[in-house]
Amino acid sequence: MPVALALLSAAAIAFFYSRGNLCYYGDAEAHLDIARRIVDSRTPGYDQVGVVWLPLPHWAMLPLVRYDRLWINGLAGAIPSGVAFVIGACFLFAAARRIFADTAAALAATALWALNPNVLYLQSIPMTESLCAACLLALVYFTVRFAQTQGMGAAIGAGLAACAGTLTRYEIWFVLPFAALYILIAARRRRIASTATFCAVAAAGPLFVLFHHWYLTGDALAFYRGPYSPRSIQHGADYPGYHNWAEAFHYYAAAAQLCAGTVLAVAAVAGTAVALYRRAFWPLAMLALPGAFLIWAMYSTGGTPIFLPTLKPFSYYNSRYGLAVLPLLALAAAALVTIAPARIRAWAAILLVLAAVAPWALHHSPSNWVTWEESRVNSESRRAWTAQAVDYLKPRYLRGTGILGEAGDLRGVYREAGIPLREVFNVDNGLPFDAAILRPELFLHEQWIVTQGGGKAQTASMRAGLRGKEYTLVKQIIVKDAPVIEIYRR
């Protein structure tokens, strides 16, 4: 099984790589940039991981992102994501086999998840969904194993999976107390020791993150209320589902259906009754928790909005959040296999998987995969101006002359042009950057400035001109529905 999954993952990565899709998502570009900055920056080091996202996905890229070619083509982020996909699928198979005591049902659950094109796309690019799923599925496996064996090793394994998950995505923070409660209830001996062991190992993740944020910003809760938190980025806008439970559930359910496909969603509803009859209460509950967290976040903060092409405002944003419950749907649907007579369960599993995969195969264009289409639509203008900026800079930029730049979407220009990040001076370099913006006549020594209209770098160019250090606008890039990109040269 691991070999087949690895081949499937590699084939998907090769497919999307050949189409140039690895960095369509702006977040994928950002994850690559963060990992690269740790080893390649004016100020490289630990603090470059920042506080925008949790650190584990970026640490996973470090062995590869230091190689220029793998950074430039995006594979430095795609490969760790693919490895996490294989690990997650193996844990799903192992958990399902323990839950249902049936190999055919376990194979069906694994195939229903692993053959989903939205899953295959997200596991092929530098995103966090694949690693988060691996951690969650490992947690399900070890908690189920603990309930069956009462082994301390299973409690430790569950704690390690939970700890890794809390360093990947915040949904797993929400899962922690429920997992601890389950260990406490499921333990038939050494109850306190098992629960305390799990809690001690799992809590290391959140405690580290709180310390990490305090160390970098002075505020342990910067991820919640800081300038880069979802709440701050969304500016308290009234998004669908905000203070409306029914609407939040409706939008999330629609996202899940678009990600999973109608056949799997229907099969999961039917299979849930079978899974509950077989007393798979805990696995279903745990796999439902990430989705519940996202619905709660939509309702309570508005910081995680979901926009879908089928619902107002008929656009794309965060549709991939629907993938959080795909393991739940796959496991629930696979329970249907167990009601077939033992001699034909393998055929029942094959028919179930074929029924779920057939619509994707019949409509095989990536434009029918909501996560891919979201990344294409939302990156169209960014890719257009990035290509123009790269075409201008790449043949003209000389190593060592330096660029005063900005973070954000401009990071893709430097990657695609093959310009090392140590050549780029921006806000990620802290106080020296602020000094260059405020007193460019003293601290600005770069020959080039690349900026979005109205950005800090543009302000620096104007101040420098007023104080005897002239920068000339040599390229202006105007693309529909995008900020103006300006390139200056001294």
Protein backbone atom coordinates (compact mmCIF):
# COMPACT_ATOMS: atom_id res chain seq x y z
CA MET A 1 0.00 0.00 0.00
CA PRO A 2 2.65 2.65 0.82
CA VAL A 3 4.31 2.06 -2.55
CA ALA A 4 1.03 2.47 -4.44
CA LEU A 5 0.24 5.63 -2.50
CA ALA A 6 3.72 7.02 -3.14
CA LEU A 7 3.35 6.38 -6.87
CA LEU A 8 -0.08 8.06 -6.85
CA SER A 9 1.33 11.07 -5.00
CA ALA A 10 4.33 11.34 -7.32
CA ALA A 11 2.10 11.09 -10.40
CA ALA A 12 -0.15 13.89 -9.11
CA ILE A 13 2.83 16.12 -8.29
CA ALA A 14 4.29 15.47 -11.75
CA PHE A 15 0.95 16.32 -13.37
CA PHE A 16 0.52 19.66 -11.61
CA TYR A 17 4.22 20.47 -11.93
CA SER A 18 4.06 19.94 -15.69
CA ARG A 19 1.17 22.42 -15.87
CA GLY A 20 2.97 25.01 -13.75
CA ASN A 21 0.31 24.87 -11.01
CA LEU A 22 2.43 24.37 -7.89
CA CYS A 23 2.29 27.98 -6.73
CA TYR A 24 -1.10 29.12 -8.00
CA TYR A 25 -2.29 29.58 -4.42
CA GLY A 26 -0.91 32.73 -2.87
CA ASP A 27 -0.58 30.82 0.40
CA ALA A 28 1.58 28.21 -1.33
CA GLU A 29 3.92 30.98 -2.47
CA ALA A 30 4.00 32.36 1.07
CA HIS A 31 4.82 28.99 2.66
CA LEU A 32 7.73 28.51 0.26
CA ASP A 33 8.96 32.02 0.98
CA ILE A 34 8.86 31.55 4.75
CA ALA A 35 10.82 28.31 4.59
CA ARG A 36 13.39 29.82 2.21
CA ARG A 37 13.87 32.92 4.38
CA ILE A 38 15.02 30.77 7.28
CA VAL A 39 18.12 29.78 5.26
CA ASP A 40 18.31 32.60 2.68
CA SER A 41 17.66 36.18 3.83
CA ARG A 42 19.44 39.37 4.78
CA THR A 43 18.67 38.23 8.32
CA PRO A 44 18.29 34.42 8.13
CA GLY A 45 17.42 32.38 11.17
CA TYR A 46 14.67 31.08 13.40
CA ASP A 47 12.63 34.28 13.61
CA GLN A 48 11.98 34.27 9.85
CA VAL A 49 9.29 31.62 10.40
CA GLY A 50 7.19 34.51 11.70
CA VAL A 51 3.76 34.35 13.33
CA VAL A 52 1.39 34.30 10.37
CA TRP A 53 1.25 30.50 10.17
CA LEU A 54 2.26 27.66 12.45
CA PRO A 55 5.85 26.48 11.96
CA LEU A 56 5.86 22.73 11.25
CA PRO A 57 5.03 22.89 7.51
CA HIS A 58 7.91 25.31 6.98
CA TRP A 59 10.32 23.23 9.04
CA ALA A 60 9.36 20.22 6.90
CA MET A 61 10.52 22.10 3.80
CA LEU A 62 13.94 23.04 5.18
CA PRO A 63 15.88 20.00 3.90
CA LEU A 64 14.82 20.83 0.32
CA VAL A 65 14.17 24.57 0.13
CA ARG A 66 17.86 25.41 0.53
CA TYR A 67 18.43 24.04 -3.00
CA ASP A 68 17.81 26.81 -5.53
CA ARG A 69 16.28 24.61 -8.21
CA LEU A 70 13.75 23.00 -5.83
CA TRP A 71 12.84 26.41 -4.41
CA ILE A 72 12.41 28.01 -7.82
CA ASN A 73 10.23 25.22 -9.25
CA GLY A 74 8.20 24.78 -6.04
CA LEU A 75 9.04 21.11 -5.48
CA ALA A 76 10.69 21.96 -2.16
CA GLY A 77 7.18 22.46 -0.80
CA ALA A 78 5.34 19.90 -2.92
CA ILE A 79 7.46 16.91 -1.90
CA PRO A 80 6.91 17.23 1.90
CA SER A 81 3.20 17.69 1.23
CA GLY A 82 3.18 14.49 -0.83
CA VAL A 83 5.03 12.57 1.88
CA ALA A 84 2.42 13.72 4.41
CA PHE A 85 -0.33 12.51 2.05
CA VAL A 86 1.16 9.00 1.97
CA ILE A 87 1.54 8.92 5.75
CA GLY A 88 -2.02 10.15 6.28
CA ALA A 89 -3.49 7.58 3.89
CA CYS A 90 -1.60 4.78 5.66
CA PHE A 91 -2.97 5.89 9.02
CA LEU A 92 -6.50 6.11 7.57
CA PHE A 93 -6.20 2.53 6.31
CA ALA A 94 -4.83 1.29 9.63
CA ALA A 95 -7.51 3.11 11.63
CA ALA A 96 -10.37 1.93 9.41
CA ARG A 97 -9.17 -1.68 9.59
CA ARG A 98 -9.16 -1.51 13.40
CA ILE A 99 -12.55 0.22 13.50
CA PHE A 100 -14.36 -2.14 11.13
CA ALA A 101 -12.14 -5.23 11.50
CA ASP A 102 -12.33 -5.52 7.72
CA THR A 103 -9.61 -4.96 5.14
CA ALA A 104 -12.00 -4.28 2.25
CA ALA A 105 -13.70 -1.46 4.16
CA ALA A 106 -10.30 -0.04 5.11
CA LEU A 107 -9.17 -0.08 1.49
CA ALA A 108 -12.40 1.61 0.45
CA ALA A 109 -11.97 4.39 3.02
CA THR A 110 -8.39 4.97 1.92
CA ALA A 111 -9.25 5.03 -1.79
CA LEU A 112 -12.24 7.34 -1.31
CA TRP A 113 -9.93 9.88 0.30
CA ALA A 114 -6.75 9.37 -1.70
CA LEU A 115 -8.38 9.38 -5.16
CA ASN A 116 -10.23 12.63 -4.62
CA PRO A 117 -8.76 15.16 -7.11
CA ASN A 118 -9.02 18.04 -4.63
CA VAL A 119 -6.97 16.05 -2.13
CA LEU A 120 -4.48 15.13 -4.87
CA TYR A 121 -4.10 18.77 -5.85
CA LEU A 122 -3.58 20.04 -2.30
CA GLN A 123 -1.05 17.26 -1.61
CA SER A 124 0.89 18.32 -4.71
CA ILE A 125 1.54 21.91 -3.68
CA PRO A 126 3.18 23.74 -0.73
CA MET A 127 0.07 23.90 1.46
CA THR A 128 -0.75 22.71 4.99
CA GLU A 129 -3.87 20.58 4.40
CA SER A 130 -1.99 17.37 3.65
CA LEU A 131 0.18 17.54 6.77
CA CYS A 132 -2.81 18.46 8.94
CA ALA A 133 -4.76 15.46 7.63
CA ALA A 134 -1.82 13.17 8.35
CA CYS A 135 -1.65 14.38 11.96
CA LEU A 136 -5.42 14.05 12.46
CA LEU A 137 -5.56 10.56 10.96
CA ALA A 138 -2.59 9.47 13.06
CA LEU A 139 -4.42 10.78 16.13
CA VAL A 140 -7.53 8.79 15.20
CA TYR A 141 -5.47 5.64 14.71
CA PHE A 142 -3.59 5.88 18.00
CA THR A 143 -6.69 6.72 20.05
CA VAL A 144 -8.57 3.77 18.53
CA ARG A 145 -5.55 1.58 19.17
CA PHE A 146 -5.38 2.80 22.75
CA ALA A 147 -9.04 1.93 23.35
CA GLN A 148 -8.38 -1.60 22.06
CA THR A 149 -4.96 -2.31 23.59
CA GLN A 150 -4.69 0.07 26.58
CA GLY A 151 -1.00 0.41 25.69
CA MET A 152 1.00 3.37 26.94
CA GLY A 153 2.76 3.44 23.55
CA ALA A 154 -0.58 4.20 21.88
CA ALA A 155 -1.17 7.08 24.31
CA ILE A 156 2.27 8.48 23.52
CA GLY A 157 1.67 8.04 19.78
CA ALA A 158 -1.62 9.91 20.10
CA GLY A 159 0.14 12.69 21.98
CA LEU A 160 2.86 12.99 19.34
CA ALA A 161 0.28 13.11 16.53
CA ALA A 162 -1.70 15.77 18.37
CA CYS A 163 1.44 17.78 19.13
CA ALA A 164 2.47 17.74 15.46
CA GLY A 165 -1.06 18.75 14.47
CA THR A 166 -1.06 21.74 16.81
CA LEU A 167 2.14 22.92 15.12
CA THR A 168 0.43 22.67 11.71
CA ARG A 169 -3.10 24.09 11.90
CA TYR A 170 -5.27 25.57 14.64
CA GLU A 171 -8.13 23.14 13.99
CA ILE A 172 -6.17 20.53 15.92
CA TRP A 173 -6.07 22.80 18.98
CA PHE A 174 -9.84 22.45 19.07
CA VAL A 175 -9.53 18.65 18.94
CA LEU A 176 -7.13 18.37 21.90
CA PRO A 177 -9.56 18.53 24.87
CA PHE A 178 -11.90 16.05 23.20
CA ALA A 179 -9.03 13.63 22.57
CA ALA A 180 -7.88 13.95 26.18
CA LEU A 181 -11.42 13.29 27.41
CA TYR A 182 -11.64 10.21 25.21
CA ILE A 183 -8.35 8.82 26.56
CA LEU A 184 -9.67 9.36 30.09
CA ILE A 185 -12.95 7.57 29.35
CA ALA A 186 -11.46 4.77 27.24
CA ALA A 187 -8.74 3.88 29.77
CA ARG A 188 -9.66 0.80 31.77
CA ARG A 189 -6.42 0.78 33.76
CA ARG A 190 -3.76 3.36 34.52
CA ARG A 191 -6.39 5.96 33.65
CA ILE A 192 -4.66 8.95 35.21
CA ALA A 193 -1.21 7.96 33.94
CA SER A 194 -2.42 7.41 30.37
CA THR A 195 -4.37 10.67 30.25
CA ALA A 196 -1.55 12.65 31.85
CA THR A 197 0.97 11.18 29.40
CA PHE A 198 -1.17 12.11 26.41
CA CYS A 199 -1.80 15.62 27.74
CA ALA A 200 1.86 16.25 28.54
CA VAL A 201 3.02 15.25 25.06
CA ALA A 202 0.16 16.90 23.16
CA ALA A 203 0.27 20.16 25.13
CA ALA A 204 3.91 20.70 24.20
CA GLY A 205 2.72 21.99 20.81
CA PRO A 206 0.39 24.79 21.98
CA LEU A 207 2.76 25.76 24.78
CA PHE A 208 5.60 26.08 22.30
CA VAL A 209 3.45 28.19 19.96
CA LEU A 210 2.45 30.54 22.78
CA PHE A 211 6.09 30.96 23.76
CA HIS A 212 7.06 31.38 20.09
CA HIS A 213 4.58 34.22 19.61
CA TRP A 214 5.59 35.87 22.87
CA TYR A 215 9.27 35.62 21.95
CA LEU A 216 8.79 37.19 18.52
CA THR A 217 6.09 39.77 19.26
CA GLY A 218 5.77 40.16 23.02
CA ASP A 219 2.18 38.88 22.80
CA ALA A 220 1.54 35.16 23.30
CA LEU A 221 -1.88 35.57 21.65
CA ALA A 222 -0.63 37.39 18.57
CA PHE A 223 -2.04 34.60 16.40
CA TYR A 224 -5.52 35.57 17.63
CA ARG A 225 -5.41 39.34 17.99
CA GLY A 226 -2.23 40.47 16.29
CA PRO A 227 -1.98 42.44 13.03
CA TYR A 228 -1.58 39.23 11.00
CA SER A 229 -4.42 37.30 12.63
CA PRO A 230 -7.43 36.33 10.46
CA ARG A 231 -9.61 38.66 12.50
CA SER A 232 -7.36 41.62 11.74
CA ILE A 233 -6.91 40.73 8.08
CA GLN A 234 -10.67 40.47 7.52
CA HIS A 235 -11.23 43.78 9.42
CA GLY A 236 -14.39 42.48 11.07
CA ALA A 237 -16.29 42.33 7.79
CA ASP A 238 -19.76 40.79 7.83
CA TYR A 239 -19.06 37.60 5.88
CA PRO A 240 -21.55 34.78 5.18
CA GLY A 241 -22.21 32.84 8.37
CA TYR A 242 -21.11 35.56 10.77
CA HIS A 243 -23.45 35.33 13.77
CA ASN A 244 -25.72 33.02 11.76
CA TRP A 245 -25.37 29.31 12.58
CA ALA A 246 -27.64 28.12 9.77
CA GLU A 247 -25.79 30.12 7.14
CA ALA A 248 -22.37 29.08 8.48
CA PHE A 249 -23.38 25.42 8.32
CA HIS A 250 -24.90 25.87 4.87
CA TYR A 251 -21.76 27.42 3.40
CA TYR A 252 -19.49 24.87 5.01
CA ALA A 253 -21.64 21.93 3.90
CA ALA A 254 -21.64 23.31 0.36
CA ALA A 255 -17.85 23.59 0.42
CA ALA A 256 -17.55 20.01 1.71
CA GLN A 257 -19.85 18.73 -1.03
CA LEU A 258 -17.94 20.57 -3.75
CA CYS A 259 -14.68 19.10 -2.44
CA ALA A 260 -15.98 15.56 -1.89
CA GLY A 261 -18.43 15.14 -4.74
CA THR A 262 -22.14 14.35 -4.47
CA VAL A 263 -21.78 10.56 -4.59
CA LEU A 264 -19.37 10.41 -1.66
CA ALA A 265 -21.47 12.88 0.34
CA VAL A 266 -24.63 10.78 -0.15
CA ALA A 267 -22.79 7.54 0.59
CA ALA A 268 -21.38 9.07 3.76
CA VAL A 269 -24.82 10.02 5.03
CA ALA A 270 -26.03 6.46 4.51
CA GLY A 271 -22.85 4.96 5.89
CA THR A 272 -22.96 7.02 9.07
CA ALA A 273 -25.87 4.94 10.36
CA VAL A 274 -23.92 1.73 9.70
CA ALA A 275 -20.77 3.13 11.34
CA LEU A 276 -22.72 4.17 14.43
CA TYR A 277 -24.34 0.72 14.59
CA ARG A 278 -20.82 -0.71 14.62
CA ARG A 279 -20.03 1.62 17.52
CA ALA A 280 -17.57 3.82 15.65
CA PHE A 281 -18.72 6.80 17.71
CA TRP A 282 -15.35 8.23 18.57
CA PRO A 283 -13.68 8.09 15.12
CA LEU A 284 -16.68 9.80 13.52
CA ALA A 285 -16.81 12.43 16.26
CA MET A 286 -13.10 13.20 16.08
CA LEU A 287 -13.10 13.47 12.30
CA ALA A 288 -16.08 15.83 12.50
CA LEU A 289 -14.33 18.20 14.92
CA PRO A 290 -12.22 20.17 12.37
CA GLY A 291 -15.36 20.93 10.38
CA ALA A 292 -17.19 21.93 13.54
CA PHE A 293 -14.33 24.25 14.43
CA LEU A 294 -14.47 25.96 11.03
CA ILE A 295 -18.23 26.43 11.28
CA TRP A 296 -17.79 27.91 14.75
CA ALA A 297 -15.05 30.22 13.45
CA MET A 298 -17.30 31.40 10.61
CA TYR A 299 -20.08 32.11 13.11
CA SER A 300 -18.12 33.70 15.91
CA THR A 301 -15.35 35.76 14.30
CA GLY A 302 -15.93 36.00 10.57
CA GLY A 303 -12.19 35.46 10.28
CA THR A 304 -12.47 32.32 8.14
CA PRO A 305 -15.00 33.21 5.43
CA ILE A 306 -15.87 30.77 2.65
CA PHE A 307 -16.93 32.01 -0.78
CA LEU A 308 -18.19 29.50 -3.34
CA PRO A 309 -19.17 29.76 -7.00
CA THR A 310 -22.59 28.27 -6.17
CA LEU A 311 -23.50 30.72 -3.39
CA LYS A 312 -23.43 34.48 -2.98
CA PRO A 313 -21.19 36.34 -3.74
CA PHE A 314 -20.46 33.60 -6.35
CA SER A 315 -16.70 33.72 -6.08
CA TYR A 316 -13.85 31.61 -4.71
CA TYR A 317 -12.21 31.85 -1.30
CA ASN A 318 -11.24 29.13 1.18
CA SER A 319 -13.18 26.41 -0.62
CA ARG A 320 -10.41 24.03 0.45
CA TYR A 321 -11.73 24.20 4.03
CA GLY A 322 -14.30 21.65 2.89
CA LEU A 323 -11.50 19.08 2.72
CA ALA A 324 -11.26 19.08 6.53
CA VAL A 325 -14.19 16.64 6.73
CA LEU A 326 -13.25 14.49 3.75
CA PRO A 327 -11.65 11.79 5.98
CA LEU A 328 -14.96 11.71 7.92
CA LEU A 329 -16.95 11.22 4.72
CA ALA A 330 -14.57 8.55 3.46
CA LEU A 331 -14.69 6.58 6.71
CA ALA A 332 -18.47 6.84 7.01
CA ALA A 333 -19.05 5.79 3.40
CA ALA A 334 -16.67 2.83 3.78
CA ALA A 335 -18.90 1.47 6.55
CA LEU A 336 -21.37 0.51 3.80
CA VAL A 337 -18.94 -2.18 2.67
CA THR A 338 -19.33 -4.00 5.98
CA ILE A 339 -23.02 -4.76 5.39
CA ALA A 340 -22.18 -6.83 2.32
CA PRO A 341 -21.59 -10.59 2.78
CA ALA A 342 -17.95 -11.33 3.53
CA ARG A 343 -17.39 -13.16 0.25
CA ILE A 344 -18.30 -10.12 -1.87
CA ARG A 345 -16.99 -7.28 0.29
CA ALA A 346 -14.01 -6.72 -1.97
CA TRP A 347 -16.38 -6.21 -4.91
CA ALA A 348 -18.60 -3.95 -2.80
CA ALA A 349 -15.56 -1.82 -1.95
CA ILE A 350 -14.57 -1.59 -5.62
CA LEU A 351 -18.09 -0.61 -6.69
CA LEU A 352 -18.30 2.05 -3.96
CA VAL A 353 -14.97 3.59 -4.96
CA LEU A 354 -15.83 3.48 -8.67
CA ALA A 355 -19.18 5.17 -8.02
CA ALA A 356 -17.46 7.98 -6.08
CA VAL A 357 -14.61 8.43 -8.56
CA ALA A 358 -16.65 8.10 -11.77
CA PRO A 359 -17.99 11.70 -11.80
CA TRP A 360 -14.45 13.04 -11.41
CA ALA A 361 -13.25 10.77 -14.21
CA LEU A 362 -16.09 11.76 -16.54
CA HIS A 363 -15.46 15.47 -15.88
CA HIS A 364 -11.70 15.18 -15.66
CA SER A 365 -10.75 18.77 -16.41
CA PRO A 366 -9.09 20.48 -13.41
CA SER A 367 -11.57 23.32 -13.85
CA ASN A 368 -14.15 20.98 -12.28
CA TRP A 369 -12.05 20.63 -9.12
CA VAL A 370 -13.08 23.50 -6.89
CA THR A 371 -9.74 23.93 -5.12
CA TRP A 372 -7.79 24.02 -8.38
CA GLU A 373 -10.27 26.39 -9.99
CA GLU A 374 -10.11 28.68 -6.95
CA SER A 375 -6.33 28.83 -7.17
CA ARG A 376 -6.49 29.56 -10.91
CA VAL A 377 -9.15 32.26 -10.73
CA ASN A 378 -7.66 34.07 -7.75
CA SER A 379 -4.11 34.01 -9.11
CA GLU A 380 -4.81 35.06 -12.69
CA SER A 381 -3.86 38.72 -12.34
CA ARG A 382 -0.99 37.95 -9.93
CA ARG A 383 0.52 35.48 -12.37
CA ALA A 384 0.20 37.99 -15.19
CA TRP A 385 2.10 40.81 -13.48
CA THR A 386 4.59 38.41 -11.91
CA ALA A 387 5.52 37.13 -15.37
CA GLN A 388 6.05 40.67 -16.65
CA ALA A 389 8.18 41.64 -13.65
CA VAL A 390 10.29 38.50 -14.02
CA ASP A 391 10.76 39.11 -17.75
CA TYR A 392 12.08 42.58 -17.00
CA LEU A 393 14.24 41.86 -13.95
CA LYS A 394 15.76 38.50 -14.76
CA PRO A 395 18.01 39.61 -17.67
CA ARG A 396 18.90 42.96 -16.07
CA TYR A 397 19.49 42.27 -12.41
CA LEU A 398 23.13 41.79 -11.38
CA ARG A 399 23.89 39.84 -8.23
CA GLY A 400 24.95 42.03 -5.36
CA THR A 401 23.21 45.23 -6.48
CA GLY A 402 20.27 44.63 -4.14
CA ILE A 403 16.51 45.19 -4.24
CA LEU A 404 14.41 47.18 -1.81
CA GLY A 405 11.18 45.23 -2.02
CA GLU A 406 8.04 44.28 -0.22
CA ALA A 407 6.65 41.04 1.12
CA GLY A 408 3.21 39.79 0.12
CA ASP A 409 2.57 38.72 -3.45
CA LEU A 410 5.84 40.21 -4.73
CA ARG A 411 7.74 37.25 -3.25
CA GLY A 412 6.88 35.21 -6.35
CA VAL A 413 8.83 37.61 -8.56
CA TYR A 414 12.11 36.88 -6.79
CA ARG A 415 11.54 33.12 -6.73
CA GLU A 416 10.68 32.86 -10.42
CA ALA A 417 13.53 35.18 -11.38
CA GLY A 418 15.93 33.07 -9.33
CA ILE A 419 17.03 36.07 -7.24
CA PRO A 420 18.21 34.86 -3.79
CA LEU A 421 16.25 36.37 -0.94
CA ARG A 422 19.45 37.65 0.65
CA GLU A 423 19.50 40.11 -2.28
CA VAL A 424 16.06 41.45 -1.27
CA PHE A 425 15.67 43.96 1.55
CA ASN A 426 12.11 44.09 2.94
CA VAL A 427 9.95 44.25 6.05
CA ASP A 428 11.01 40.73 7.07
CA ASN A 429 14.42 42.17 7.92
CA GLY A 430 13.06 44.22 10.81
CA LEU A 431 14.48 47.52 12.05
CA PRO A 432 17.12 47.99 9.31
CA PHE A 433 14.27 48.01 6.77
CA ASP A 434 12.34 50.59 8.79
CA ALA A 435 15.47 52.74 8.92
CA ALA A 436 15.88 52.53 5.14
CA ILE A 437 12.27 53.62 4.63
CA LEU A 438 12.50 56.56 7.03
CA ARG A 439 16.03 57.76 6.18
CA PRO A 440 16.83 56.44 2.71
CA GLU A 441 19.65 58.98 2.24
CA LEU A 442 21.51 57.21 5.07
CA PHE A 443 20.41 53.57 5.05
CA LEU A 444 19.13 52.77 1.55
CA HIS A 445 21.93 51.31 -0.57
CA GLU A 446 20.04 49.02 -2.97
CA GLN A 447 20.15 49.80 -6.69
CA TRP A 448 16.62 48.53 -7.37
CA ILE A 449 13.19 49.10 -5.83
CA VAL A 450 10.25 46.79 -6.60
CA THR A 451 6.98 47.96 -5.14
CA GLN A 452 3.23 47.92 -5.36
CA GLY A 453 1.73 51.35 -5.86
CA GLY A 454 1.46 53.12 -2.52
CA GLY A 455 3.75 50.69 -0.70
CA LYS A 456 6.52 51.53 1.75
CA ALA A 457 9.18 50.92 -0.86
CA GLN A 458 7.59 53.48 -3.16
CA THR A 459 7.56 55.96 -0.27
CA ALA A 460 11.26 55.31 0.22
CA SER A 461 11.97 56.05 -3.45
CA MET A 462 10.20 59.40 -3.18
CA ARG A 463 12.03 60.34 0.03
CA ALA A 464 15.35 59.30 -1.48
CA GLY A 465 14.72 61.56 -4.49
CA LEU A 466 13.97 64.52 -2.27
CA ARG A 467 17.24 63.96 -0.40
CA GLY A 468 19.61 63.59 -3.32
CA LYS A 469 19.44 59.86 -4.05
CA GLU A 470 17.53 59.63 -7.31
CA TYR A 471 15.59 56.49 -8.36
CA THR A 472 14.10 56.37 -11.86
CA LEU A 473 10.90 54.52 -12.70
CA VAL A 474 12.02 52.04 -15.38
CA LYS A 475 9.03 49.71 -15.56
CA GLN A 476 5.38 50.09 -14.68
CA ILE A 477 3.11 47.03 -14.88
CA ILE A 478 -0.63 47.51 -15.07
CA VAL A 479 -2.88 44.45 -15.02
CA LYS A 480 -6.66 44.47 -14.66
CA ASP A 481 -7.93 43.89 -11.10
CA ALA A 482 -4.41 44.14 -9.65
CA PRO A 483 -2.29 46.80 -7.96
CA VAL A 484 0.19 48.70 -10.12
CA ILE A 485 3.68 47.22 -9.93
CA GLU A 486 6.57 49.67 -10.26
CA ILE A 487 10.27 48.97 -10.72
CA TYR A 488 12.79 51.72 -9.98
CA ARG A 489 16.53 51.82 -10.62
CA ARG A 490 19.15 54.12 -9.09
